[in-house]
C-alpha atoms as a PDB file:
ATOM      1  CA  MET A   1      51.923 -91.589-107.962  1.00  0.00           C
ATOM      2  CA  SER A   2      52.171 -92.901-104.462  1.00  0.00           C
ATOM      3  CA  ARG A   3      49.216 -95.113-102.977  1.00  0.00           C
ATOM      4  CA  GLU A   4      48.365 -95.006 -99.636  1.00  0.00           C
ATOM      5  CA  TYR A   5      46.409 -96.948 -97.260  1.00  0.00           C
ATOM      6  CA  THR A   6      45.299 -97.558 -93.959  1.00  0.00           C
ATOM      7  CA  ILE A   7      44.361-100.354 -91.801  1.00  0.00           C
ATOM      8  CA  SER A   8      42.717 -99.157 -88.534  1.00  0.00           C
ATOM      9  CA  ALA A   9      40.199-100.537 -85.545  1.00  0.00           C
ATOM     10  CA  GLY A  10      38.427 -98.653 -82.712  1.00  0.00           C
ATOM     11  CA  GLY A  11      36.344 -99.863 -79.930  1.00  0.00           C
ATOM     12  CA  ILE A  12      38.009-103.243 -79.546  1.00  0.00           C
ATOM     13  CA  THR A  13      38.471-105.608 -76.998  1.00  0.00           C
ATOM     14  CA  LEU A  14      41.959-107.453 -76.718  1.00  0.00           C
ATOM     15  CA  ALA A  15      42.129-111.027 -75.126  1.00  0.00           C
ATOM     16  CA  ASN A  16      43.925-110.798 -71.696  1.00  0.00           C
ATOM     17  CA  GLN A  17      47.550-112.062 -73.442  1.00  0.00           C
ATOM     18  CA  PRO A  18      50.093-110.723 -75.654  1.00  0.00           C
ATOM     19  CA  VAL A  19      48.215-109.679 -78.636  1.00  0.00           C
ATOM     20  CA  THR A  20      48.892-108.657 -82.006  1.00  0.00           C
ATOM     21  CA  LEU A  21      46.865-105.459 -83.039  1.00  0.00           C
ATOM     22  CA  ILE A  22      47.970-105.941 -86.655  1.00  0.00           C
ATOM     23  CA  GLY A  23      49.594-107.807 -89.106  1.00  0.00           C
ATOM     24  CA  ILE A  24      50.322-107.516 -92.886  1.00  0.00           C
ATOM     25  CA  ARG A  25      51.962-109.545 -95.376  1.00  0.00           C
ATOM     26  CA  PRO A  26      53.118-108.307 -98.582  1.00  0.00           C
ATOM     27  CA  ASN A  27      52.033-109.885-101.839  1.00  0.00           C
ATOM     28  CA  THR A  28      54.528-110.873-104.933  1.00  0.00           C
ATOM     29  CA  ASN A  29      53.850-107.401-106.883  1.00  0.00           C
ATOM     30  CA  CYS A  30      54.464-104.731-104.326  1.00  0.00           C
ATOM     31  CA  ALA A  31      56.738-103.760-101.496  1.00  0.00           C
ATOM     32  CA  LEU A  32      55.017-102.108 -98.405  1.00  0.00           C
ATOM     33  CA  GLU A  33      56.278 -98.728 -96.623  1.00  0.00           C
ATOM     34  CA  ILE A  34      55.190 -98.462 -93.110  1.00  0.00           C
ATOM     35  CA  LEU A  35      54.418 -94.616 -92.761  1.00  0.00           C
ATOM     36  CA  HIS A  36      52.528 -93.984 -89.328  1.00  0.00           C
ATOM     37  CA  MET A  37      51.405 -96.243 -86.672  1.00  0.00           C
ATOM     38  CA  TRP A  38      49.401 -95.605 -83.400  1.00  0.00           C
ATOM     39  CA  ILE A  39      47.647 -97.049 -80.340  1.00  0.00           C
ATOM     40  CA  SER A  40      45.011 -95.706 -78.185  1.00  0.00           C
ATOM     41  CA  GLN A  41      42.643 -96.815 -75.540  1.00  0.00           C
ATOM     42  CA  SER A  42      39.729 -94.989 -73.965  1.00  0.00           C
ATOM     43  CA  ALA A  43      38.033 -97.195 -71.215  1.00  0.00           C
ATOM     44  CA  ASN A  44      39.143 -95.414 -68.284  1.00  0.00           C
ATOM     45  CA  ALA A  45      41.544 -92.868 -66.842  1.00  0.00           C
ATOM     46  CA  THR A  46      44.139 -95.024 -65.361  1.00  0.00           C
ATOM     47  CA  SER A  47      47.526 -94.204 -65.759  1.00  0.00           C
ATOM     48  CA  VAL A  48      49.375 -97.369 -66.400  1.00  0.00           C
ATOM     49  CA  GLN A  49      52.375 -97.998 -68.770  1.00  0.00           C
ATOM     50  CA  GLN A  50      52.083-100.648 -71.835  1.00  0.00           C
ATOM     51  CA  ARG A  51      54.781-102.231 -73.639  1.00  0.00           C
ATOM     52  CA  VAL A  52      54.621-101.920 -77.613  1.00  0.00           C
ATOM     53  CA  GLU A  53      56.738-103.326 -80.626  1.00  0.00           C
ATOM     54  CA  CYS A  54      56.541-103.867 -84.059  1.00  0.00           C
ATOM     55  CA  GLY A  55      58.585-105.879 -86.404  1.00  0.00           C
ATOM     56  CA  LEU A  56      58.882-109.212 -88.395  1.00  0.00           C
ATOM     57  CA  GLN A  57      57.422-112.934 -87.874  1.00  0.00           C
ATOM     58  CA  VAL A  58      57.944-115.995 -89.962  1.00  0.00           C
ATOM     59  CA  SER A  59      55.915-118.978 -90.374  1.00  0.00           C
ATOM     60  CA  THR A  60      53.545-119.547 -88.157  1.00  0.00           C
ATOM     61  CA  TYR A  61      51.361-116.220 -88.040  1.00  0.00           C
ATOM     62  CA  PRO A  62      49.065-115.378 -85.666  1.00  0.00           C
ATOM     63  CA  THR A  63      44.980-115.926 -86.170  1.00  0.00           C
ATOM     64  CA  VAL A  64      43.600-112.264 -86.719  1.00  0.00           C
ATOM     65  CA  VAL A  65      40.054-110.808 -87.687  1.00  0.00           C
ATOM     66  CA  ALA A  66      40.151-109.930 -91.506  1.00  0.00           C
ATOM     67  CA  ALA A  67      40.165-106.262 -92.062  1.00  0.00           C
ATOM     68  CA  THR A  68      39.872-104.379 -95.371  1.00  0.00           C
ATOM     69  CA  PRO A  69      42.340-101.786 -95.784  1.00  0.00           C
ATOM     70  CA  ALA A  70      41.011 -98.005 -96.581  1.00  0.00           C
ATOM     71  CA  LYS A  71      42.273 -96.136 -99.247  1.00  0.00           C
ATOM     72  CA  LEU A  72      43.404 -92.554 -98.408  1.00  0.00           C
ATOM     73  CA  LYS A  73      43.177 -90.933-102.027  1.00  0.00           C
ATOM     74  CA  GLN A  74      40.041 -91.269-103.088  1.00  0.00           C
ATOM     75  CA  GLY A  75      40.959 -91.640-106.774  1.00  0.00           C
ATOM     76  CA  ASP A  76      43.661 -94.456-105.828  1.00  0.00           C
ATOM     77  CA  PRO A  77      42.466 -98.289-106.942  1.00  0.00           C
ATOM     78  CA  VAL A  78      41.699-100.738-104.037  1.00  0.00           C
ATOM     79  CA  SER A  79      44.874-102.144-102.040  1.00  0.00           C
ATOM     80  CA  GLN A  80      46.363-104.865-103.296  1.00  0.00           C
ATOM     81  CA  ILE A  81      46.170-105.946 -99.453  1.00  0.00           C
ATOM     82  CA  THR A  82      43.367-107.781 -99.025  1.00  0.00           C
ATOM     83  CA  GLY A  83      41.642-109.134 -95.477  1.00  0.00           C
ATOM     84  CA  GLY A  84      42.391-112.432 -94.359  1.00  0.00           C
ATOM     85  CA  THR A  85      42.649-114.485 -91.285  1.00  0.00           C
ATOM     86  CA  ALA A  86      46.057-116.440 -91.511  1.00  0.00           C
ATOM     87  CA  LEU A  87      48.389-113.673 -93.011  1.00  0.00           C
ATOM     88  CA  ALA A  88      48.691-115.277 -96.214  1.00  0.00           C
ATOM     89  CA  ALA A  89      50.888-113.364 -98.863  1.00  0.00           C
ATOM     90  CA  GLY A  90      49.019-110.113 -99.722  1.00  0.00           C
ATOM     91  CA  THR A  91      46.818-110.071 -96.965  1.00  0.00           C
ATOM     92  CA  CYS A  92      46.206-108.366 -93.445  1.00  0.00           C
ATOM     93  CA  GLY A  93      44.155-108.414 -90.056  1.00  0.00           C
ATOM     94  CA  ILE A  94      43.652-107.098 -86.751  1.00  0.00           C
ATOM     95  CA  ASN A  95      43.136-108.135 -83.135  1.00  0.00           C
ATOM     96  CA  ALA A  96      44.585-111.730 -83.051  1.00  0.00           C
ATOM     97  CA  SER A  97      42.780-114.463 -81.106  1.00  0.00           C
ATOM     98  CA  ALA A  98      45.782-116.954 -81.281  1.00  0.00           C
ATOM     99  CA  GLU A  99      49.598-116.178 -81.553  1.00  0.00           C
ATOM    100  CA  GLY A 100      51.406-118.103 -84.158  1.00  0.00           C
ATOM    101  CA  ALA A 101      54.076-119.855 -83.380  1.00  0.00           C
ATOM    102  CA  GLY A 102      56.699-118.304 -85.299  1.00  0.00           C
ATOM    103  CA  ALA A 103      59.429-116.416 -84.567  1.00  0.00           C
ATOM    104  CA  LYS A 104      59.104-112.539 -83.436  1.00  0.00           C
ATOM    105  CA  SER A 105      61.668-110.310 -84.843  1.00  0.00           C
ATOM    106  CA  PRO A 106      61.436-106.617 -83.045  1.00  0.00           C
ATOM    107  CA  ILE A 107      62.311-103.751 -85.538  1.00  0.00           C
ATOM    108  CA  VAL A 108      60.895-100.955 -83.045  1.00  0.00           C
ATOM    109  CA  GLN A 109      60.287-101.507 -79.301  1.00  0.00           C
ATOM    110  CA  SER A 110      58.608 -98.821 -77.217  1.00  0.00           C
ATOM    111  CA  ALA A 111      56.602 -98.310 -74.199  1.00  0.00           C
ATOM    112  CA  PHE A 112      53.645 -95.767 -73.299  1.00  0.00           C
ATOM    113  CA  ASN A 113      51.190 -94.539 -71.151  1.00  0.00           C
ATOM    114  CA  ALA A 114      47.736 -95.864 -71.696  1.00  0.00           C
ATOM    115  CA  VAL A 115      45.896 -92.749 -70.615  1.00  0.00           C
ATOM    116  CA  ASN A 116      48.410 -90.631 -73.380  1.00  0.00           C
ATOM    117  CA  GLY A 117      48.378 -93.202 -76.551  1.00  0.00           C
ATOM    118  CA  TRP A 118      51.072 -94.267 -78.624  1.00  0.00           C
ATOM    119  CA  ASP A 119      52.065 -92.402 -81.855  1.00  0.00           C
ATOM    120  CA  TRP A 120      54.861 -93.421 -84.484  1.00  0.00           C
ATOM    121  CA  GLN A 121      55.836 -91.237 -87.014  1.00  0.00           C
ATOM    122  CA  PRO A 122      59.037 -92.032 -88.497  1.00  0.00           C
ATOM    123  CA  THR A 123      61.016 -89.215 -90.857  1.00  0.00           C
ATOM    124  CA  PRO A 124      61.584 -90.484 -94.122  1.00  0.00           C
ATOM    125  CA  ASP A 125      64.969 -92.499 -93.457  1.00  0.00           C
ATOM    126  CA  GLU A 126      63.430 -94.357 -90.655  1.00  0.00           C
ATOM    127  CA  THR A 127      60.349 -95.638 -92.438  1.00  0.00           C
ATOM    128  CA  ILE A 128      60.409 -99.781 -92.214  1.00  0.00           C
ATOM    129  CA  VAL A 129      59.851-101.320 -96.008  1.00  0.00           C
ATOM    130  CA  LEU A 130      58.807-104.627 -96.461  1.00  0.00           C
ATOM    131  CA  SER A 131      59.797-106.713 -99.481  1.00  0.00           C
ATOM    132  CA  PRO A 132      57.708-108.198-101.914  1.00  0.00           C
ATOM    133  CA  ALA A 133      57.185-111.710-101.563  1.00  0.00           C
ATOM    134  CA  SER A 134      58.400-111.797 -98.472  1.00  0.00           C
ATOM    135  CA  ALA A 135      57.890-114.782 -96.330  1.00  0.00           C
ATOM    136  CA  SER A 136      57.680-112.441 -93.488  1.00  0.00           C
ATOM    137  CA  SER A 137      54.702-110.697 -91.977  1.00  0.00           C
ATOM    138  CA  PHE A 138      54.987-107.460 -90.442  1.00  0.00           C
ATOM    139  CA  TYR A 139      52.791-106.861 -87.183  1.00  0.00           C
ATOM    140  CA  LEU A 140      52.117-104.236 -84.413  1.00  0.00           C
ATOM    141  CA  TYR A 141      51.978-105.705 -81.333  1.00  0.00           C
ATOM    142  CA  LEU A 142      51.672-105.368 -77.410  1.00  0.00           C
ATOM    143  CA  PRO A 143      54.220-108.038 -76.239  1.00  0.00           C
ATOM    144  CA  VAL A 144      52.461-107.948 -72.804  1.00  0.00           C
ATOM    145  CA  ALA A 145      48.897-108.116 -71.856  1.00  0.00           C
ATOM    146  CA  ALA A 146      47.206-104.866 -71.380  1.00  0.00           C
ATOM    147  CA  LEU A 147      45.913-103.922 -67.837  1.00  0.00           C
ATOM    148  CA  THR A 148      42.245-102.771 -69.395  1.00  0.00           C
ATOM    149  CA  LEU A 149      41.044-105.003 -72.053  1.00  0.00           C
ATOM    150  CA  THR A 150      38.537-102.853 -73.623  1.00  0.00           C
ATOM    151  CA  ASN A 151      37.833 -99.820 -75.864  1.00  0.00           C
ATOM    152  CA  TRP A 152      41.262 -99.718 -77.594  1.00  0.00           C
ATOM    153  CA  ALA A 153      41.636 -97.868 -81.132  1.00  0.00           C
ATOM    154  CA  PHE A 154      44.633 -98.900 -83.288  1.00  0.00           C
ATOM    155  CA  GLY A 155      45.930 -98.239 -86.961  1.00  0.00           C
ATOM    156  CA  LEU A 156      48.747 -97.826 -89.426  1.00  0.00           C
ATOM    157  CA  VAL A 157      49.031 -96.254 -92.595  1.00  0.00           C
ATOM    158  CA  TYR A 158      51.485 -97.737 -95.566  1.00  0.00           C
ATOM    159  CA  LYS A 159      52.150 -97.131 -99.127  1.00  0.00           C
ATOM    160  CA  GLU A 160      52.472 -99.707-101.912  1.00  0.00           C
ATOM    161  CA  ILE A 161      55.395 -99.611-103.870  1.00  0.00           C
ATOM    162  CA  GLY A 162      55.656-101.183-107.516  1.00  0.00           C
END
């Protein structure tokens, strides 16, 4: 049976800089499959384009706020991923206050209108799978500072494999 979890946040104020919205790093026991990601903003109705990317980052990771993954199926055990601020193996976090100096390697790059939000739902063949014990963290990132910094909501759904 698959075990799916979500990391999400709402009503978030972002720093006035490029910012990692979510970071997650697999532990040694399981791979992670990224199934769905979204971003929206509710502070105003100003039409503005916003860049977004997701990918892998190595070595020096962002400093994030610890977040606890929520299980999507009530009978599942808690996730093997726990909240952490430094994206050590087996941890995740949100809303980076400082971006790490490690190189970012984008996998998906896009742009969206802040009024409409962004929703990435890959086909089964297009999901992103992170290897167990990976030295890389996975990130959901705004590579350009947002024009409006308040009331952001974002999240991702992942599956633990193994």
